[in-house]
N, C-alpha and C. Protein backbone atom coordinates (compact mmCIF):
# COMPACT_ATOMS: atom_id res chain seq x y z
N MET A 1 -9.73 -57.13 -16.86
CA MET A 1 -9.00 -57.97 -15.93
C MET A 1 -9.60 -57.89 -14.54
N ALA A 2 -9.64 -58.98 -13.88
CA ALA A 2 -10.14 -59.00 -12.51
C ALA A 2 -9.00 -58.69 -11.56
N LYS A 3 -9.35 -58.01 -10.49
CA LYS A 3 -8.34 -57.70 -9.48
C LYS A 3 -7.98 -58.95 -8.72
N SER A 4 -6.71 -59.11 -8.44
CA SER A 4 -6.32 -60.26 -7.63
C SER A 4 -6.66 -59.98 -6.18
N SER A 5 -6.76 -61.01 -5.41
CA SER A 5 -7.14 -60.86 -4.01
C SER A 5 -6.04 -60.16 -3.20
N GLU A 6 -4.82 -60.11 -3.76
CA GLU A 6 -3.72 -59.48 -3.04
C GLU A 6 -3.72 -57.96 -3.21
N GLN A 7 -4.32 -57.47 -4.29
CA GLN A 7 -4.35 -56.03 -4.50
C GLN A 7 -5.44 -55.42 -3.64
N LYS A 8 -5.08 -54.34 -2.96
CA LYS A 8 -6.03 -53.63 -2.12
C LYS A 8 -6.16 -52.22 -2.64
N GLU A 9 -7.35 -51.65 -2.44
CA GLU A 9 -7.54 -50.27 -2.81
C GLU A 9 -6.75 -49.40 -1.85
N PRO A 10 -6.28 -48.22 -2.33
CA PRO A 10 -5.53 -47.35 -1.43
C PRO A 10 -6.40 -46.90 -0.25
N VAL A 11 -5.77 -46.82 0.91
CA VAL A 11 -6.48 -46.43 2.12
C VAL A 11 -6.68 -44.92 2.10
N LYS A 12 -7.95 -44.52 2.22
CA LYS A 12 -8.26 -43.09 2.25
C LYS A 12 -8.17 -42.59 3.69
N PRO A 13 -7.57 -41.44 3.91
CA PRO A 13 -7.54 -40.91 5.28
C PRO A 13 -8.94 -40.50 5.73
N MET A 14 -9.16 -40.55 7.02
CA MET A 14 -10.47 -40.19 7.55
C MET A 14 -10.68 -38.69 7.48
N ARG A 15 -11.92 -38.29 7.24
CA ARG A 15 -12.26 -36.87 7.26
C ARG A 15 -12.40 -36.42 8.70
N PHE A 16 -12.33 -35.09 8.90
CA PHE A 16 -12.44 -34.53 10.25
C PHE A 16 -13.77 -34.94 10.88
N ARG A 17 -14.84 -34.87 10.10
CA ARG A 17 -16.17 -35.21 10.62
C ARG A 17 -16.22 -36.66 11.10
N ASP A 18 -15.59 -37.57 10.35
CA ASP A 18 -15.58 -38.98 10.74
C ASP A 18 -14.78 -39.19 12.03
N THR A 19 -13.66 -38.50 12.13
CA THR A 19 -12.83 -38.62 13.33
C THR A 19 -13.56 -38.07 14.54
N LEU A 20 -14.20 -36.90 14.39
CA LEU A 20 -14.95 -36.30 15.49
C LEU A 20 -16.10 -37.20 15.91
N SER A 21 -16.80 -37.76 14.94
CA SER A 21 -17.90 -38.67 15.24
C SER A 21 -17.41 -39.88 16.02
N SER A 22 -16.27 -40.43 15.62
CA SER A 22 -15.71 -41.59 16.32
C SER A 22 -15.34 -41.26 17.76
N VAL A 23 -14.77 -40.07 17.96
CA VAL A 23 -14.39 -39.66 19.32
C VAL A 23 -15.63 -39.50 20.19
N LEU A 24 -16.67 -38.87 19.66
CA LEU A 24 -17.90 -38.66 20.43
C LEU A 24 -18.61 -39.97 20.74
N MET A 25 -18.68 -40.86 19.75
CA MET A 25 -19.32 -42.15 19.98
C MET A 25 -18.52 -43.00 20.96
N ALA A 26 -17.21 -42.94 20.88
CA ALA A 26 -16.37 -43.69 21.82
C ALA A 26 -16.53 -43.13 23.24
N ALA A 27 -16.68 -41.82 23.36
CA ALA A 27 -16.88 -41.21 24.68
C ALA A 27 -18.20 -41.68 25.30
N LEU A 28 -19.20 -41.89 24.46
CA LEU A 28 -20.48 -42.38 24.95
C LEU A 28 -20.49 -43.90 25.13
N GLY A 29 -19.50 -44.57 24.57
CA GLY A 29 -19.40 -46.02 24.70
C GLY A 29 -20.30 -46.78 23.75
N VAL A 30 -20.64 -46.19 22.61
CA VAL A 30 -21.55 -46.86 21.68
C VAL A 30 -20.94 -47.06 20.29
N GLN A 31 -19.65 -47.10 20.20
CA GLN A 31 -18.99 -47.23 18.90
C GLN A 31 -19.10 -48.66 18.39
N SER A 32 -19.41 -48.79 17.10
CA SER A 32 -19.57 -50.12 16.51
C SER A 32 -18.20 -50.73 16.19
N ASN A 33 -18.20 -52.03 16.02
CA ASN A 33 -16.96 -52.73 15.68
C ASN A 33 -16.46 -52.29 14.31
N LYS A 34 -17.37 -52.06 13.38
CA LYS A 34 -17.00 -51.60 12.04
C LYS A 34 -16.29 -50.25 12.10
N ALA A 35 -16.82 -49.34 12.91
CA ALA A 35 -16.20 -48.02 13.05
C ALA A 35 -14.84 -48.13 13.74
N ARG A 36 -14.74 -49.01 14.71
CA ARG A 36 -13.46 -49.20 15.41
C ARG A 36 -12.40 -49.72 14.45
N GLN A 37 -12.77 -50.68 13.61
CA GLN A 37 -11.82 -51.21 12.63
C GLN A 37 -11.40 -50.13 11.64
N ARG A 38 -12.35 -49.30 11.20
CA ARG A 38 -12.03 -48.21 10.29
C ARG A 38 -11.06 -47.22 10.96
N ASP A 39 -11.32 -46.92 12.22
CA ASP A 39 -10.46 -45.99 12.95
C ASP A 39 -9.02 -46.48 13.01
N PHE A 40 -8.85 -47.76 13.31
CA PHE A 40 -7.50 -48.30 13.43
C PHE A 40 -6.80 -48.46 12.09
N SER A 41 -7.56 -48.64 11.02
CA SER A 41 -6.92 -48.83 9.72
C SER A 41 -6.72 -47.52 8.96
N GLN A 42 -7.58 -46.54 9.16
CA GLN A 42 -7.50 -45.30 8.38
C GLN A 42 -7.14 -44.06 9.19
N GLY A 43 -7.40 -44.08 10.49
CA GLY A 43 -7.20 -42.89 11.32
C GLY A 43 -5.77 -42.72 11.78
N LYS A 44 -5.43 -41.46 12.11
CA LYS A 44 -4.12 -41.16 12.68
C LYS A 44 -4.27 -41.01 14.19
N PRO A 45 -3.42 -41.66 14.96
CA PRO A 45 -3.53 -41.57 16.41
C PRO A 45 -3.47 -40.14 16.93
N SER A 46 -2.64 -39.30 16.33
CA SER A 46 -2.52 -37.92 16.81
C SER A 46 -3.84 -37.17 16.69
N HIS A 47 -4.61 -37.45 15.65
CA HIS A 47 -5.91 -36.78 15.49
C HIS A 47 -6.88 -37.20 16.59
N PHE A 48 -6.88 -38.49 16.90
CA PHE A 48 -7.77 -38.98 17.95
C PHE A 48 -7.35 -38.44 19.32
N ILE A 49 -6.06 -38.34 19.56
CA ILE A 49 -5.57 -37.83 20.84
C ILE A 49 -5.95 -36.36 21.01
N LEU A 50 -5.72 -35.56 19.97
CA LEU A 50 -6.04 -34.13 20.05
C LEU A 50 -7.54 -33.90 20.22
N LEU A 51 -8.35 -34.61 19.45
CA LEU A 51 -9.80 -34.45 19.58
C LEU A 51 -10.30 -34.97 20.93
N GLY A 52 -9.69 -36.04 21.42
CA GLY A 52 -10.07 -36.56 22.73
C GLY A 52 -9.76 -35.58 23.85
N ILE A 53 -8.59 -34.96 23.79
CA ILE A 53 -8.23 -33.95 24.78
C ILE A 53 -9.17 -32.74 24.67
N GLY A 54 -9.44 -32.31 23.44
CA GLY A 54 -10.36 -31.19 23.23
C GLY A 54 -11.75 -31.49 23.75
N PHE A 55 -12.25 -32.69 23.49
CA PHE A 55 -13.56 -33.08 23.98
C PHE A 55 -13.59 -33.09 25.51
N THR A 56 -12.55 -33.65 26.11
CA THR A 56 -12.49 -33.74 27.58
C THR A 56 -12.47 -32.35 28.20
N LEU A 57 -11.65 -31.45 27.67
CA LEU A 57 -11.60 -30.08 28.19
C LEU A 57 -12.94 -29.37 28.04
N THR A 58 -13.57 -29.53 26.88
CA THR A 58 -14.87 -28.91 26.66
C THR A 58 -15.90 -29.47 27.63
N PHE A 59 -15.91 -30.78 27.82
CA PHE A 59 -16.85 -31.40 28.74
C PHE A 59 -16.66 -30.89 30.17
N VAL A 60 -15.41 -30.82 30.62
CA VAL A 60 -15.13 -30.34 31.98
C VAL A 60 -15.56 -28.89 32.14
N LEU A 61 -15.28 -28.05 31.15
CA LEU A 61 -15.66 -26.64 31.22
C LEU A 61 -17.18 -26.46 31.22
N VAL A 62 -17.89 -27.27 30.44
CA VAL A 62 -19.36 -27.19 30.44
C VAL A 62 -19.92 -27.62 31.79
N VAL A 63 -19.42 -28.71 32.35
CA VAL A 63 -19.89 -29.16 33.66
C VAL A 63 -19.59 -28.11 34.72
N LEU A 64 -18.40 -27.53 34.69
CA LEU A 64 -18.04 -26.47 35.63
C LEU A 64 -18.96 -25.27 35.48
N GLY A 65 -19.27 -24.88 34.26
CA GLY A 65 -20.19 -23.76 34.03
C GLY A 65 -21.58 -24.03 34.54
N VAL A 66 -22.07 -25.24 34.33
CA VAL A 66 -23.41 -25.60 34.82
C VAL A 66 -23.44 -25.59 36.34
N VAL A 67 -22.40 -26.11 36.98
CA VAL A 67 -22.35 -26.12 38.45
C VAL A 67 -22.33 -24.70 38.98
N LYS A 68 -21.52 -23.82 38.37
CA LYS A 68 -21.46 -22.42 38.83
C LYS A 68 -22.81 -21.74 38.63
N LEU A 69 -23.48 -22.02 37.51
CA LEU A 69 -24.79 -21.43 37.25
C LEU A 69 -25.81 -21.88 38.27
N VAL A 70 -25.83 -23.17 38.57
CA VAL A 70 -26.78 -23.71 39.54
C VAL A 70 -26.51 -23.13 40.93
N LEU A 71 -25.23 -23.02 41.30
CA LEU A 71 -24.90 -22.47 42.62
C LEU A 71 -25.28 -20.99 42.71
N SER A 72 -25.07 -20.25 41.64
CA SER A 72 -25.43 -18.83 41.68
C SER A 72 -26.94 -18.64 41.71
N LEU A 73 -27.68 -19.48 41.05
CA LEU A 73 -29.15 -19.38 41.06
C LEU A 73 -29.75 -19.85 42.38
N SER A 74 -29.06 -20.72 43.10
CA SER A 74 -29.56 -21.23 44.37
C SER A 74 -29.24 -20.27 45.52
N GLY A 75 -28.38 -19.30 45.28
CA GLY A 75 -28.04 -18.32 46.31
C GLY A 75 -26.94 -18.80 47.23
N ALA A 76 -26.24 -19.84 46.86
CA ALA A 76 -25.17 -20.36 47.72
C ALA A 76 -23.90 -19.59 47.53
């Protein structure tokens, strides 16, 4: 039997790696339309929010560490 056009395959939840990749690509501003559509149809908003906050905190801490390192090496 052929599947009718109304039947859809069950939506699989996104894996952690896929969610992390989407967050990183979105942060860089290079996310494709296909990935964006997948995120909205399969992803959970809470996962994107938590990973986004985690990425932002990590980014700020890395920048702060680099600034402190440069200032300490410059003798300021």
